[in-house]
Amino acid sequence: MLIDKEKCNGCEICHAYCPVGAITTIAGRDVSVSEILQGDCVECGVCLRSGICPTGAIFMPELKWPRSIRAEFSNPLVPHRSTKEGGRGTEEMKTTTLQDALDGLI
């Protein structure tokens, strides 16, 4: 996820929508704006899907490897490579029933 600094008005409303706290404020020349810390962002898309940005500054760029793998595991709308279905996790996580998991503990 990225924030277009030209569109951002610095309202900071989006900060509370990031589940990993990756959105911060940076001081600009004339005004402070929000920025998504790329090292912390897991590409879950919550900030974008919330629609909270009043200026539409939040956007998802085309993700390249290895960054694209983050979205496959954290964004429920991005299909996972192994399942070809949206949702978090691997095929094993999506197909293992509670009983299967309990049987594996015995």
N, C-alpha and C. Protein backbone atom coordinates (compact mmCIF):
# COMPACT_ATOMS: atom_id res chain seq x y z
N MET A 1 0.84 -1.16 0.00
CA MET A 1 0.00 0.00 0.00
C MET A 1 0.90 1.23 0.00
N LEU A 2 0.39 2.28 -0.62
CA LEU A 2 1.11 3.54 -0.65
C LEU A 2 0.12 4.68 -0.44
N ILE A 3 0.64 5.83 -0.06
CA ILE A 3 -0.16 7.04 0.06
C ILE A 3 0.42 8.08 -0.89
N ASP A 4 -0.42 8.61 -1.74
CA ASP A 4 -0.01 9.66 -2.66
C ASP A 4 0.14 10.95 -1.85
N LYS A 5 1.36 11.41 -1.70
CA LYS A 5 1.64 12.59 -0.87
C LYS A 5 1.05 13.87 -1.46
N GLU A 6 0.79 13.87 -2.74
CA GLU A 6 0.17 15.03 -3.38
C GLU A 6 -1.32 15.12 -3.03
N LYS A 7 -1.95 13.97 -2.81
CA LYS A 7 -3.38 13.95 -2.46
C LYS A 7 -3.63 14.01 -0.96
N CYS A 8 -2.69 13.52 -0.16
CA CYS A 8 -2.88 13.44 1.29
C CYS A 8 -2.99 14.84 1.89
N ASN A 9 -4.01 15.01 2.76
CA ASN A 9 -4.18 16.30 3.42
C ASN A 9 -3.68 16.28 4.86
N GLY A 10 -3.09 15.18 5.30
CA GLY A 10 -2.51 15.10 6.64
C GLY A 10 -3.52 14.95 7.76
N CYS A 11 -4.72 14.52 7.46
CA CYS A 11 -5.77 14.41 8.49
C CYS A 11 -5.51 13.30 9.50
N GLU A 12 -4.72 12.30 9.14
CA GLU A 12 -4.34 11.17 9.99
C GLU A 12 -5.48 10.22 10.33
N ILE A 13 -6.62 10.34 9.68
CA ILE A 13 -7.74 9.44 9.95
C ILE A 13 -7.36 7.99 9.66
N CYS A 14 -6.56 7.77 8.64
CA CYS A 14 -6.19 6.42 8.21
C CYS A 14 -5.31 5.69 9.23
N HIS A 15 -4.63 6.41 10.08
CA HIS A 15 -3.69 5.79 11.02
C HIS A 15 -4.35 4.71 11.87
N ALA A 16 -5.54 4.97 12.34
CA ALA A 16 -6.24 4.02 13.22
C ALA A 16 -6.72 2.77 12.48
N TYR A 17 -6.77 2.81 11.16
CA TYR A 17 -7.26 1.68 10.38
C TYR A 17 -6.19 0.66 10.06
N CYS A 18 -4.93 0.97 10.32
CA CYS A 18 -3.85 0.03 10.02
C CYS A 18 -3.67 -0.93 11.19
N PRO A 19 -3.92 -2.24 10.98
CA PRO A 19 -3.83 -3.19 12.08
C PRO A 19 -2.40 -3.44 12.58
N VAL A 20 -1.40 -3.03 11.80
CA VAL A 20 -0.01 -3.24 12.24
C VAL A 20 0.70 -1.93 12.55
N GLY A 21 -0.01 -0.82 12.53
CA GLY A 21 0.58 0.47 12.88
C GLY A 21 1.63 0.95 11.89
N ALA A 22 1.45 0.65 10.61
CA ALA A 22 2.45 1.01 9.60
C ALA A 22 2.26 2.40 9.02
N ILE A 23 1.22 3.11 9.40
CA ILE A 23 0.99 4.44 8.86
C ILE A 23 1.47 5.47 9.88
N THR A 24 2.27 6.41 9.40
CA THR A 24 2.86 7.42 10.27
C THR A 24 2.76 8.78 9.60
N THR A 25 3.09 9.82 10.32
CA THR A 25 3.10 11.18 9.78
C THR A 25 4.53 11.60 9.50
N ILE A 26 4.73 12.21 8.35
CA ILE A 26 6.04 12.75 8.02
C ILE A 26 5.88 14.24 7.75
N ALA A 27 6.86 14.99 8.14
CA ALA A 27 6.82 16.44 7.94
C ALA A 27 7.21 16.77 6.51
N GLY A 28 6.36 17.53 5.85
CA GLY A 28 6.65 17.99 4.51
C GLY A 28 7.13 19.43 4.56
N ARG A 29 7.34 20.03 3.42
CA ARG A 29 7.79 21.43 3.38
C ARG A 29 6.74 22.36 3.97
N ASP A 30 5.52 22.22 3.47
CA ASP A 30 4.45 23.13 3.90
C ASP A 30 3.47 22.50 4.88
N VAL A 31 3.32 21.17 4.78
CA VAL A 31 2.32 20.49 5.59
C VAL A 31 2.80 19.07 5.88
N SER A 32 2.33 18.51 6.96
CA SER A 32 2.64 17.12 7.27
C SER A 32 1.66 16.22 6.53
N VAL A 33 2.14 15.06 6.10
CA VAL A 33 1.30 14.09 5.40
C VAL A 33 1.54 12.71 5.98
N SER A 34 0.66 11.79 5.66
CA SER A 34 0.80 10.42 6.13
C SER A 34 1.63 9.61 5.13
N GLU A 35 2.29 8.59 5.66
CA GLU A 35 3.10 7.70 4.84
C GLU A 35 2.98 6.29 5.40
N ILE A 36 2.99 5.30 4.52
CA ILE A 36 2.95 3.91 4.95
C ILE A 36 4.38 3.38 4.97
N LEU A 37 4.83 2.94 6.12
CA LEU A 37 6.18 2.40 6.26
C LEU A 37 6.23 1.05 5.59
N GLN A 38 6.96 0.97 4.50
CA GLN A 38 6.99 -0.24 3.68
C GLN A 38 7.57 -1.46 4.41
N GLY A 39 8.46 -1.24 5.33
CA GLY A 39 9.02 -2.35 6.10
C GLY A 39 8.03 -2.95 7.07
N ASP A 40 7.03 -2.19 7.46
CA ASP A 40 6.03 -2.64 8.43
C ASP A 40 4.72 -3.10 7.79
N CYS A 41 4.39 -2.56 6.62
CA CYS A 41 3.13 -2.86 5.95
C CYS A 41 3.08 -4.32 5.50
N VAL A 42 1.98 -5.01 5.80
CA VAL A 42 1.81 -6.41 5.40
C VAL A 42 0.90 -6.55 4.18
N GLU A 43 0.53 -5.43 3.56
CA GLU A 43 -0.30 -5.42 2.35
C GLU A 43 -1.67 -6.05 2.57
N CYS A 44 -2.25 -5.86 3.75
CA CYS A 44 -3.56 -6.43 4.03
C CYS A 44 -4.68 -5.67 3.34
N GLY A 45 -4.45 -4.40 3.02
CA GLY A 45 -5.43 -3.60 2.30
C GLY A 45 -6.54 -3.01 3.14
N VAL A 46 -6.48 -3.15 4.46
CA VAL A 46 -7.54 -2.64 5.32
C VAL A 46 -7.69 -1.13 5.15
N CYS A 47 -6.59 -0.40 5.08
CA CYS A 47 -6.66 1.06 4.96
C CYS A 47 -7.36 1.47 3.66
N LEU A 48 -7.10 0.76 2.59
CA LEU A 48 -7.73 1.08 1.30
C LEU A 48 -9.19 0.65 1.28
N ARG A 49 -9.47 -0.59 1.69
CA ARG A 49 -10.84 -1.11 1.66
C ARG A 49 -11.78 -0.36 2.60
N SER A 50 -11.24 0.25 3.65
CA SER A 50 -12.09 0.98 4.58
C SER A 50 -12.74 2.19 3.91
N GLY A 51 -12.09 2.71 2.87
CA GLY A 51 -12.63 3.88 2.18
C GLY A 51 -12.58 5.13 3.04
N ILE A 52 -11.79 5.13 4.08
CA ILE A 52 -11.76 6.22 5.05
C ILE A 52 -11.05 7.47 4.55
N CYS A 53 -10.15 7.34 3.59
CA CYS A 53 -9.38 8.50 3.13
C CYS A 53 -10.28 9.48 2.38
N PRO A 54 -10.42 10.70 2.90
CA PRO A 54 -11.32 11.66 2.27
C PRO A 54 -10.81 12.18 0.93
N THR A 55 -9.52 12.01 0.65
CA THR A 55 -8.96 12.51 -0.61
C THR A 55 -8.59 11.39 -1.58
N GLY A 56 -8.80 10.13 -1.20
CA GLY A 56 -8.46 9.01 -2.06
C GLY A 56 -6.97 8.84 -2.28
N ALA A 57 -6.18 9.20 -1.28
CA ALA A 57 -4.72 9.16 -1.42
C ALA A 57 -4.14 7.76 -1.27
N ILE A 58 -4.85 6.85 -0.65
CA ILE A 58 -4.33 5.49 -0.42
C ILE A 58 -4.57 4.65 -1.66
N PHE A 59 -3.53 3.95 -2.11
CA PHE A 59 -3.69 3.09 -3.28
C PHE A 59 -2.75 1.90 -3.18
N MET A 60 -3.07 0.85 -3.95
CA MET A 60 -2.23 -0.33 -4.01
C MET A 60 -1.49 -0.34 -5.34
N PRO A 61 -0.18 -0.24 -5.30
CA PRO A 61 0.58 -0.32 -6.54
C PRO A 61 0.69 -1.78 -6.97
N GLU A 62 1.19 -2.01 -8.17
CA GLU A 62 1.45 -3.38 -8.60
C GLU A 62 2.57 -3.92 -7.72
N LEU A 63 2.30 -5.05 -7.07
CA LEU A 63 3.27 -5.63 -6.15
C LEU A 63 4.14 -6.64 -6.88
N LYS A 64 5.42 -6.54 -6.69
CA LYS A 64 6.37 -7.47 -7.29
C LYS A 64 6.97 -8.35 -6.20
N TRP A 65 7.49 -9.48 -6.61
CA TRP A 65 8.15 -10.39 -5.68
C TRP A 65 9.36 -9.69 -5.08
N PRO A 66 9.63 -9.79 -3.81
CA PRO A 66 8.98 -10.64 -2.81
C PRO A 66 7.83 -9.96 -2.08
N ARG A 67 7.58 -8.69 -2.37
CA ARG A 67 6.53 -7.96 -1.66
C ARG A 67 5.15 -8.55 -1.92
N SER A 68 4.91 -9.12 -3.08
CA SER A 68 3.60 -9.66 -3.42
C SER A 68 3.17 -10.78 -2.48
N ILE A 69 4.12 -11.49 -1.91
CA ILE A 69 3.78 -12.61 -1.02
C ILE A 69 3.08 -12.11 0.24
N ARG A 70 3.36 -10.89 0.65
CA ARG A 70 2.68 -10.33 1.82
C ARG A 70 1.18 -10.27 1.62
N ALA A 71 0.75 -9.81 0.46
CA ALA A 71 -0.68 -9.69 0.19
C ALA A 71 -1.35 -11.06 0.13
N GLU A 72 -0.66 -12.07 -0.38
CA GLU A 72 -1.25 -13.41 -0.46
C GLU A 72 -1.59 -13.97 0.91
N PHE A 73 -0.84 -13.59 1.91
CA PHE A 73 -1.08 -14.12 3.25
C PHE A 73 -1.90 -13.19 4.13
N SER A 74 -2.00 -11.91 3.80
CA SER A 74 -2.68 -11.00 4.71
C SER A 74 -3.92 -10.32 4.15
N ASN A 75 -4.10 -10.28 2.84
CA ASN A 75 -5.25 -9.63 2.24
C ASN A 75 -6.26 -10.69 1.80
N PRO A 76 -7.45 -10.73 2.40
CA PRO A 76 -8.41 -11.77 2.05
C PRO A 76 -8.96 -11.67 0.63
N LEU A 77 -8.70 -10.58 -0.06
CA LEU A 77 -9.19 -10.42 -1.43
C LEU A 77 -8.17 -10.83 -2.48
N VAL A 78 -6.94 -11.09 -2.06
CA VAL A 78 -5.89 -11.51 -3.00
C VAL A 78 -5.81 -13.03 -2.99
N PRO A 79 -5.94 -13.66 -4.16
CA PRO A 79 -5.86 -15.12 -4.22
C PRO A 79 -4.48 -15.64 -3.80
N HIS A 80 -4.47 -16.69 -3.01
CA HIS A 80 -3.21 -17.32 -2.62
C HIS A 80 -2.75 -18.20 -3.77
N ARG A 81 -1.46 -18.22 -4.00
CA ARG A 81 -0.88 -18.96 -5.12
C ARG A 81 -1.27 -20.44 -5.12
N SER A 82 -1.30 -21.07 -3.95
CA SER A 82 -1.55 -22.52 -3.91
C SER A 82 -3.02 -22.88 -4.03
N THR A 83 -3.91 -21.99 -3.61
CA THR A 83 -5.34 -22.31 -3.64
C THR A 83 -6.10 -21.64 -4.77
N LYS A 84 -5.54 -20.58 -5.29
CA LYS A 84 -6.20 -19.77 -6.32
C LYS A 84 -7.49 -19.15 -5.80
N GLU A 85 -7.63 -19.10 -4.48
CA GLU A 85 -8.81 -18.52 -3.85
C GLU A 85 -8.38 -17.40 -2.93
N GLY A 86 -9.27 -16.44 -2.75
CA GLY A 86 -9.01 -15.36 -1.81
C GLY A 86 -9.11 -15.87 -0.40
N GLY A 87 -8.50 -15.16 0.50
CA GLY A 87 -8.53 -15.54 1.90
C GLY A 87 -7.14 -15.69 2.45
N ARG A 88 -7.04 -15.62 3.72
CA ARG A 88 -5.73 -15.68 4.35
C ARG A 88 -5.26 -17.11 4.50
N GLY A 89 -3.98 -17.33 4.27
CA GLY A 89 -3.39 -18.61 4.59
C GLY A 89 -3.17 -19.55 3.43
N THR A 90 -2.67 -20.71 3.77
CA THR A 90 -2.32 -21.72 2.78
C THR A 90 -3.48 -22.69 2.59
N GLU A 91 -3.35 -23.58 1.63
CA GLU A 91 -4.39 -24.58 1.38
C GLU A 91 -4.62 -25.44 2.61
N GLU A 92 -3.55 -25.82 3.28
CA GLU A 92 -3.69 -26.63 4.49
C GLU A 92 -4.54 -25.92 5.54
N MET A 93 -4.29 -24.63 5.71
CA MET A 93 -5.06 -23.87 6.69
C MET A 93 -6.53 -23.78 6.30
N LYS A 94 -6.80 -23.71 5.00
CA LYS A 94 -8.17 -23.54 4.53
C LYS A 94 -8.95 -24.84 4.48
N THR A 95 -8.26 -25.98 4.40
CA THR A 95 -8.95 -27.25 4.24
C THR A 95 -8.93 -28.13 5.49
N THR A 96 -8.13 -27.79 6.46
CA THR A 96 -8.06 -28.57 7.69
C THR A 96 -9.27 -28.25 8.56
N THR A 97 -10.01 -29.27 8.92
CA THR A 97 -11.16 -29.08 9.79
C THR A 97 -10.71 -29.10 11.24
N LEU A 98 -11.58 -28.68 12.11
CA LEU A 98 -11.28 -28.71 13.54
C LEU A 98 -10.99 -30.14 13.97
N GLN A 99 -11.76 -31.11 13.47
CA GLN A 99 -11.54 -32.50 13.85
C GLN A 99 -10.18 -32.98 13.36
N ASP A 100 -9.78 -32.60 12.14
CA ASP A 100 -8.45 -32.96 11.63
C ASP A 100 -7.37 -32.44 12.56
N ALA A 101 -7.54 -31.20 12.99
CA ALA A 101 -6.53 -30.60 13.87
C ALA A 101 -6.50 -31.32 15.21
N LEU A 102 -7.66 -31.65 15.75
CA LEU A 102 -7.70 -32.36 17.03
C LEU A 102 -7.13 -33.75 16.91
N ASP A 103 -7.41 -34.45 15.80
CA ASP A 103 -6.85 -35.78 15.57
C ASP A 103 -5.34 -35.73 15.52
N GLY A 104 -4.79 -34.65 14.98
CA GLY A 104 -3.35 -34.51 14.88
C GLY A 104 -2.66 -34.31 16.22
N LEU A 105 -3.44 -33.95 17.23
CA LEU A 105 -2.87 -33.73 18.57
C LEU A 105 -2.76 -35.02 19.38
N ILE A 106 -3.44 -36.06 18.93
CA ILE A 106 -3.46 -37.32 19.69
C ILE A 106 -2.32 -38.21 19.27
